[in-house]
């Protein structure tokens, strides 16, 4: 039988569950973003336009520049190496193709990332209730 003290402790532990989920989700969301970048597709799954000079794949090493970090209850995807190089800076030349590598702030989370976040959440909840 569960005591009142155990129930109270369970409720108090919920105060940190979001940070636990973020910490567990960060490497998995990073893996999705890296896989997508290595395949040369944007967060929505649309293939990037080829380079104009030779028709080759743009940003062949983009996956090496993607990382994710958790900070409290937030997971942040970071593109290292300069937004200008990867064509993601805020002020772009409209004549250049945009090849998104990670979602912009405020964009909807891609379905595969949303599904992975739901799976991580379920795992953390299952671990806590075991």
N, C-alpha and C. Protein backbone atom coordinates (compact mmCIF):
# COMPACT_ATOMS: atom_id res chain seq x y z
N UNK A 1 0.84 -1.18 0.00
CA UNK A 1 0.00 0.00 0.00
C UNK A 1 0.89 1.25 0.00
N UNK A 2 0.51 2.20 -0.79
CA UNK A 2 1.26 3.44 -0.90
C UNK A 2 0.88 4.38 0.23
N UNK A 3 1.92 4.95 0.85
CA UNK A 3 1.67 5.88 1.96
C UNK A 3 1.47 7.29 1.41
N UNK A 4 0.93 8.13 2.23
CA UNK A 4 0.74 9.53 1.86
C UNK A 4 2.07 10.20 1.57
N UNK A 5 3.10 9.86 2.33
CA UNK A 5 4.43 10.43 2.12
C UNK A 5 4.98 10.05 0.75
N UNK A 6 4.75 8.81 0.32
CA UNK A 6 5.20 8.36 -1.00
C UNK A 6 4.46 9.09 -2.12
N UNK A 7 3.19 9.31 -1.92
CA UNK A 7 2.40 10.04 -2.92
C UNK A 7 2.91 11.47 -3.03
N UNK A 8 3.15 12.10 -1.91
CA UNK A 8 3.68 13.47 -1.91
C UNK A 8 5.04 13.52 -2.58
N UNK A 9 5.90 12.55 -2.30
CA UNK A 9 7.23 12.50 -2.92
C UNK A 9 7.11 12.33 -4.44
N UNK A 10 6.15 11.50 -4.87
CA UNK A 10 5.93 11.33 -6.32
C UNK A 10 5.51 12.64 -6.97
N UNK A 11 4.62 13.36 -6.34
CA UNK A 11 4.19 14.65 -6.89
C UNK A 11 5.33 15.65 -6.93
N UNK A 12 6.15 15.68 -5.89
CA UNK A 12 7.28 16.61 -5.86
C UNK A 12 8.30 16.28 -6.94
N UNK A 13 8.45 15.00 -7.24
CA UNK A 13 9.43 14.61 -8.26
C UNK A 13 9.00 15.07 -9.66
N UNK A 14 7.73 15.36 -9.83
CA UNK A 14 7.26 15.85 -11.14
C UNK A 14 7.84 17.22 -11.48
N UNK A 15 8.33 17.94 -10.48
CA UNK A 15 8.91 19.27 -10.71
C UNK A 15 10.15 19.20 -11.58
N UNK A 16 10.81 18.06 -11.64
CA UNK A 16 12.04 17.94 -12.42
C UNK A 16 11.90 17.03 -13.63
N UNK A 17 10.70 16.54 -13.89
CA UNK A 17 10.54 15.58 -14.97
C UNK A 17 10.81 16.20 -16.34
N UNK A 18 10.47 17.47 -16.52
CA UNK A 18 10.70 18.10 -17.82
C UNK A 18 12.19 18.20 -18.13
N UNK A 19 13.01 18.48 -17.14
CA UNK A 19 14.46 18.54 -17.35
C UNK A 19 15.03 17.15 -17.64
N UNK A 20 14.47 16.15 -17.00
CA UNK A 20 14.90 14.76 -17.25
C UNK A 20 14.56 14.35 -18.68
N UNK A 21 13.37 14.73 -19.13
CA UNK A 21 12.96 14.43 -20.51
C UNK A 21 13.86 15.15 -21.50
N UNK A 22 14.15 16.42 -21.26
CA UNK A 22 15.01 17.19 -22.16
C UNK A 22 16.40 16.57 -22.25
N UNK A 23 16.94 16.17 -21.12
CA UNK A 23 18.29 15.57 -21.10
C UNK A 23 18.32 14.27 -21.90
N UNK A 24 17.27 13.47 -21.76
CA UNK A 24 17.20 12.20 -22.48
C UNK A 24 16.92 12.41 -23.97
N UNK A 25 16.18 13.47 -24.30
CA UNK A 25 15.78 13.71 -25.69
C UNK A 25 16.88 14.34 -26.53
N UNK A 26 17.76 15.14 -25.92
CA UNK A 26 18.75 15.89 -26.69
C UNK A 26 19.58 15.02 -27.63
N UNK A 27 20.20 13.93 -27.18
CA UNK A 27 21.00 13.15 -28.12
C UNK A 27 20.17 12.48 -29.21
N UNK A 28 18.94 12.15 -28.90
CA UNK A 28 18.10 11.49 -29.90
C UNK A 28 17.61 12.48 -30.96
N UNK A 29 17.30 13.70 -30.54
CA UNK A 29 16.91 14.72 -31.51
C UNK A 29 18.12 15.14 -32.35
N UNK A 30 19.29 15.17 -31.72
CA UNK A 30 20.52 15.47 -32.47
C UNK A 30 20.76 14.42 -33.55
N UNK A 31 20.55 13.16 -33.21
CA UNK A 31 20.75 12.08 -34.18
C UNK A 31 19.82 12.23 -35.38
N UNK A 32 18.58 12.62 -35.12
CA UNK A 32 17.63 12.83 -36.23
C UNK A 32 18.09 13.97 -37.11
N UNK A 33 18.49 15.08 -36.48
CA UNK A 33 18.93 16.25 -37.26
C UNK A 33 20.19 15.93 -38.06
N UNK A 34 21.13 15.19 -37.47
CA UNK A 34 22.36 14.81 -38.18
C UNK A 34 22.05 13.88 -39.35
N UNK A 35 21.15 12.94 -39.14
CA UNK A 35 20.77 12.01 -40.21
C UNK A 35 20.16 12.77 -41.38
N UNK A 36 19.30 13.72 -41.06
CA UNK A 36 18.65 14.52 -42.09
C UNK A 36 19.68 15.36 -42.84
N UNK A 37 20.59 15.99 -42.10
CA UNK A 37 21.63 16.82 -42.73
C UNK A 37 22.55 15.98 -43.60
N UNK A 38 22.89 14.77 -43.13
CA UNK A 38 23.75 13.89 -43.92
C UNK A 38 23.06 13.46 -45.22
N UNK A 39 21.74 13.38 -45.18
CA UNK A 39 20.98 13.00 -46.38
C UNK A 39 20.73 14.19 -47.31
N UNK A 40 21.00 15.40 -46.82
CA UNK A 40 20.80 16.58 -47.65
C UNK A 40 19.35 16.99 -47.79
N UNK A 41 18.61 16.87 -46.71
CA UNK A 41 17.21 17.28 -46.73
C UNK A 41 16.93 18.26 -45.60
N UNK A 42 15.92 19.10 -45.78
CA UNK A 42 15.56 20.09 -44.76
C UNK A 42 14.71 19.43 -43.68
N UNK A 43 14.36 20.17 -42.63
CA UNK A 43 13.58 19.58 -41.54
C UNK A 43 12.25 18.96 -41.98
N UNK A 44 11.71 19.42 -43.09
CA UNK A 44 10.47 18.86 -43.60
C UNK A 44 10.67 17.66 -44.51
N UNK A 45 11.94 17.31 -44.78
CA UNK A 45 12.23 16.16 -45.62
C UNK A 45 12.41 16.48 -47.09
N UNK A 46 12.42 17.77 -47.44
CA UNK A 46 12.59 18.18 -48.84
C UNK A 46 14.08 18.28 -49.15
N UNK A 47 14.49 17.67 -50.26
CA UNK A 47 15.91 17.68 -50.64
C UNK A 47 16.38 19.10 -50.94
N UNK A 48 17.61 19.38 -50.52
CA UNK A 48 18.20 20.68 -50.81
C UNK A 48 18.48 20.81 -52.30
N UNK A 49 18.46 22.04 -52.78
CA UNK A 49 18.83 22.29 -54.17
C UNK A 49 20.33 22.02 -54.33
N UNK A 50 20.73 21.48 -55.48
CA UNK A 50 22.17 21.24 -55.68
C UNK A 50 22.92 22.55 -55.82
N UNK A 51 24.24 22.47 -55.66
CA UNK A 51 25.08 23.65 -55.88
C UNK A 51 24.95 24.05 -57.34
N UNK A 52 24.97 25.36 -57.58
CA UNK A 52 24.84 25.85 -58.95
C UNK A 52 26.11 25.62 -59.77
N UNK A 53 27.26 25.70 -59.12
CA UNK A 53 28.52 25.61 -59.87
C UNK A 53 28.69 24.27 -60.56
N UNK A 54 28.53 23.19 -59.82
CA UNK A 54 28.80 21.88 -60.41
C UNK A 54 27.65 20.89 -60.27
N UNK A 55 26.55 21.31 -59.66
CA UNK A 55 25.40 20.43 -59.51
C UNK A 55 25.55 19.41 -58.40
N UNK A 56 26.67 19.46 -57.66
CA UNK A 56 26.90 18.52 -56.56
C UNK A 56 26.04 18.85 -55.35
N UNK A 57 26.11 17.98 -54.36
CA UNK A 57 25.32 18.20 -53.16
C UNK A 57 25.91 19.32 -52.32
N UNK A 58 25.08 20.24 -51.93
CA UNK A 58 25.51 21.36 -51.08
C UNK A 58 25.70 20.87 -49.65
N UNK A 59 26.61 21.50 -48.94
CA UNK A 59 26.83 21.25 -47.52
C UNK A 59 27.04 19.76 -47.21
N UNK A 60 27.95 19.15 -47.91
CA UNK A 60 28.20 17.71 -47.75
C UNK A 60 28.57 17.33 -46.32
N UNK A 61 29.17 18.25 -45.57
CA UNK A 61 29.59 17.96 -44.20
C UNK A 61 28.70 18.61 -43.15
N UNK A 62 27.51 18.97 -43.52
CA UNK A 62 26.63 19.70 -42.60
C UNK A 62 26.35 18.93 -41.32
N UNK A 63 26.22 17.61 -41.39
CA UNK A 63 25.89 16.83 -40.20
C UNK A 63 26.95 16.97 -39.11
N UNK A 64 28.18 17.22 -39.49
CA UNK A 64 29.25 17.38 -38.52
C UNK A 64 29.09 18.65 -37.68
N UNK A 65 28.26 19.56 -38.14
CA UNK A 65 28.11 20.86 -37.48
C UNK A 65 26.84 20.97 -36.65
N UNK A 66 26.07 19.88 -36.56
CA UNK A 66 24.81 19.88 -35.81
C UNK A 66 25.06 19.28 -34.43
N UNK A 67 24.55 19.96 -33.40
CA UNK A 67 24.59 19.39 -32.06
C UNK A 67 23.34 19.83 -31.31
N UNK A 68 23.02 19.07 -30.29
CA UNK A 68 21.87 19.40 -29.44
C UNK A 68 22.34 19.46 -28.00
N UNK A 69 21.73 20.33 -27.25
CA UNK A 69 22.05 20.44 -25.83
C UNK A 69 20.76 20.66 -25.06
N UNK A 70 20.75 20.14 -23.83
CA UNK A 70 19.60 20.41 -22.97
C UNK A 70 20.03 21.41 -21.92
N UNK A 71 19.15 22.34 -21.67
CA UNK A 71 19.39 23.36 -20.66
C UNK A 71 18.10 23.47 -19.86
N UNK A 72 18.08 22.81 -18.72
CA UNK A 72 16.83 22.77 -17.96
C UNK A 72 15.81 21.95 -18.73
N UNK A 73 14.67 22.54 -18.99
CA UNK A 73 13.61 21.80 -19.68
C UNK A 73 13.57 22.09 -21.18
N UNK A 74 14.65 22.63 -21.73
CA UNK A 74 14.69 23.01 -23.14
C UNK A 74 15.77 22.22 -23.86
N UNK A 75 15.45 21.75 -25.07
CA UNK A 75 16.45 21.16 -25.95
C UNK A 75 16.69 22.16 -27.07
N UNK A 76 17.95 22.50 -27.28
CA UNK A 76 18.31 23.44 -28.33
C UNK A 76 19.15 22.73 -29.37
N UNK A 77 18.73 22.82 -30.63
CA UNK A 77 19.55 22.33 -31.73
C UNK A 77 20.41 23.49 -32.19
N UNK A 78 21.70 23.23 -32.33
CA UNK A 78 22.65 24.28 -32.67
C UNK A 78 23.37 23.90 -33.96
N UNK A 79 23.54 24.88 -34.82
CA UNK A 79 24.30 24.70 -36.05
C UNK A 79 25.60 25.46 -35.88
N UNK A 80 26.68 24.75 -35.67
CA UNK A 80 27.98 25.39 -35.46
C UNK A 80 28.66 25.60 -36.81
N UNK A 81 29.47 26.63 -36.89
CA UNK A 81 30.23 26.84 -38.12
C UNK A 81 29.81 28.08 -38.87
N UNK A 82 28.88 28.82 -38.36
CA UNK A 82 28.50 30.08 -38.98
C UNK A 82 27.29 29.96 -39.87
N UNK A 83 26.28 30.75 -39.54
CA UNK A 83 25.05 30.76 -40.33
C UNK A 83 25.26 31.22 -41.74
N UNK A 84 26.26 32.09 -41.96
CA UNK A 84 26.49 32.56 -43.32
C UNK A 84 26.93 31.41 -44.21
N UNK A 85 27.78 30.54 -43.67
CA UNK A 85 28.27 29.42 -44.46
C UNK A 85 27.13 28.49 -44.83
N UNK A 86 26.25 28.25 -43.88
CA UNK A 86 25.17 27.30 -44.11
C UNK A 86 23.89 27.94 -44.64
N UNK A 87 23.93 29.23 -44.90
CA UNK A 87 22.77 29.88 -45.50
C UNK A 87 21.59 30.01 -44.56
N UNK A 88 21.84 30.11 -43.26
CA UNK A 88 20.74 30.21 -42.32
C UNK A 88 20.76 31.51 -41.54
N UNK A 89 21.55 32.47 -41.95
CA UNK A 89 21.55 33.72 -41.21
C UNK A 89 20.24 34.46 -41.44
N UNK A 90 19.93 35.38 -40.56
CA UNK A 90 18.63 36.05 -40.60
C UNK A 90 18.45 36.89 -41.86
N UNK A 91 19.48 37.61 -42.25
CA UNK A 91 19.37 38.48 -43.42
C UNK A 91 20.04 37.80 -44.61
N UNK A 92 19.23 37.19 -45.45
CA UNK A 92 19.76 36.44 -46.58
C UNK A 92 19.53 37.18 -47.87
N UNK A 93 20.35 36.85 -48.83
CA UNK A 93 20.15 37.32 -50.19
C UNK A 93 19.04 36.45 -50.77
N UNK A 94 17.90 37.05 -51.08
CA UNK A 94 16.73 36.30 -51.54
C UNK A 94 17.01 35.52 -52.83
N UNK A 95 18.05 35.89 -53.58
CA UNK A 95 18.33 35.18 -54.82
C UNK A 95 19.05 33.85 -54.56
N UNK A 96 19.56 33.65 -53.34
CA UNK A 96 20.26 32.41 -53.03
C UNK A 96 19.29 31.37 -52.49
N UNK A 97 19.50 30.10 -52.84
CA UNK A 97 18.61 29.07 -52.30
C UNK A 97 18.82 28.91 -50.81
N UNK A 98 17.74 28.69 -50.08
CA UNK A 98 17.85 28.44 -48.65
C UNK A 98 17.83 26.94 -48.44
N UNK A 99 18.81 26.46 -47.73
CA UNK A 99 18.91 25.03 -47.43
C UNK A 99 18.89 24.88 -45.91
N UNK A 100 17.70 24.78 -45.36
CA UNK A 100 17.56 24.67 -43.91
C UNK A 100 18.14 23.34 -43.44
N UNK A 101 18.86 23.40 -42.34
CA UNK A 101 19.46 22.21 -41.77
C UNK A 101 18.73 21.82 -40.49
N UNK A 102 18.42 22.80 -39.66
CA UNK A 102 17.66 22.57 -38.44
C UNK A 102 16.45 23.50 -38.48
N UNK A 103 15.40 23.16 -37.74
CA UNK A 103 14.22 24.04 -37.74
C UNK A 103 14.57 25.41 -37.17
N UNK A 104 13.95 26.44 -37.71
CA UNK A 104 14.11 27.78 -37.16
C UNK A 104 13.32 27.90 -35.87
N UNK A 105 13.72 28.83 -35.03
CA UNK A 105 12.97 29.11 -33.81
C UNK A 105 11.55 29.49 -34.21
N UNK A 106 10.59 28.88 -33.58
CA UNK A 106 9.19 29.18 -33.88
C UNK A 106 8.56 28.25 -34.90
N UNK A 107 9.39 27.50 -35.65
CA UNK A 107 8.84 26.53 -36.61
C UNK A 107 8.22 25.36 -35.84
N UNK A 108 7.25 24.74 -36.47
CA UNK A 108 6.69 23.52 -35.87
C UNK A 108 7.76 22.44 -35.86
N UNK A 109 7.75 21.62 -34.84
CA UNK A 109 8.70 20.53 -34.74
C UNK A 109 8.35 19.49 -35.79
N UNK A 110 9.34 19.04 -36.59
CA UNK A 110 9.05 18.01 -37.59
C UNK A 110 8.46 16.76 -36.94
N UNK A 111 7.65 16.05 -37.69
CA UNK A 111 6.92 14.90 -37.16
C UNK A 111 7.84 13.85 -36.54
N UNK A 112 8.97 13.54 -37.19
CA UNK A 112 9.85 12.52 -36.64
C UNK A 112 10.45 12.96 -35.31
N UNK A 113 10.75 14.23 -35.16
CA UNK A 113 11.27 14.73 -33.89
C UNK A 113 10.18 14.75 -32.82
N UNK A 114 8.98 15.13 -33.22
CA UNK A 114 7.86 15.14 -32.29
C UNK A 114 7.57 13.71 -31.79
N UNK A 115 7.63 12.73 -32.71
CA UNK A 115 7.40 11.34 -32.32
C UNK A 115 8.49 10.85 -31.38
N UNK A 116 9.74 11.24 -31.65
CA UNK A 116 10.85 10.83 -30.79
C UNK A 116 10.72 11.45 -29.41
N UNK A 117 10.31 12.70 -29.35
CA UNK A 117 10.10 13.36 -28.06
C UNK A 117 8.99 12.68 -27.28
N UNK A 118 7.93 12.26 -27.96
CA UNK A 118 6.85 11.53 -27.29
C UNK A 118 7.35 10.18 -26.76
N UNK A 119 8.20 9.51 -27.53
CA UNK A 119 8.75 8.23 -27.10
C UNK A 119 9.64 8.41 -25.87
N UNK A 120 10.47 9.43 -25.88
CA UNK A 120 11.35 9.71 -24.74
C UNK A 120 10.50 10.02 -23.50
N UNK A 121 9.47 10.81 -23.68
CA UNK A 121 8.58 11.15 -22.56
C UNK A 121 7.96 9.89 -21.98
N UNK A 122 7.48 9.00 -22.84
CA UNK A 122 6.88 7.75 -22.37
C UNK A 122 7.90 6.90 -21.62
N UNK A 123 9.14 6.86 -22.11
CA UNK A 123 10.19 6.08 -21.45
C UNK A 123 10.51 6.63 -20.06
N UNK A 124 10.62 7.95 -19.98
CA UNK A 124 10.93 8.57 -18.69
C UNK A 124 9.78 8.32 -17.70
N UNK A 125 8.55 8.47 -18.16
CA UNK A 125 7.40 8.22 -17.29
C UNK A 125 7.36 6.76 -16.85
N UNK A 126 7.67 5.84 -17.76
CA UNK A 126 7.66 4.41 -17.41
C UNK A 126 8.76 4.11 -16.39
N UNK A 127 9.93 4.72 -16.59
CA UNK A 127 11.04 4.52 -15.65
C UNK A 127 10.66 5.01 -14.26
N UNK A 128 10.01 6.15 -14.22
CA UNK A 128 9.65 6.73 -12.92
C UNK A 128 8.54 5.94 -12.22
N UNK A 129 7.67 5.34 -13.00
CA UNK A 129 6.56 4.62 -12.37
C UNK A 129 6.92 3.18 -12.03
N UNK A 130 8.10 2.74 -12.46
CA UNK A 130 8.50 1.35 -12.18
C UNK A 130 8.93 1.16 -10.74
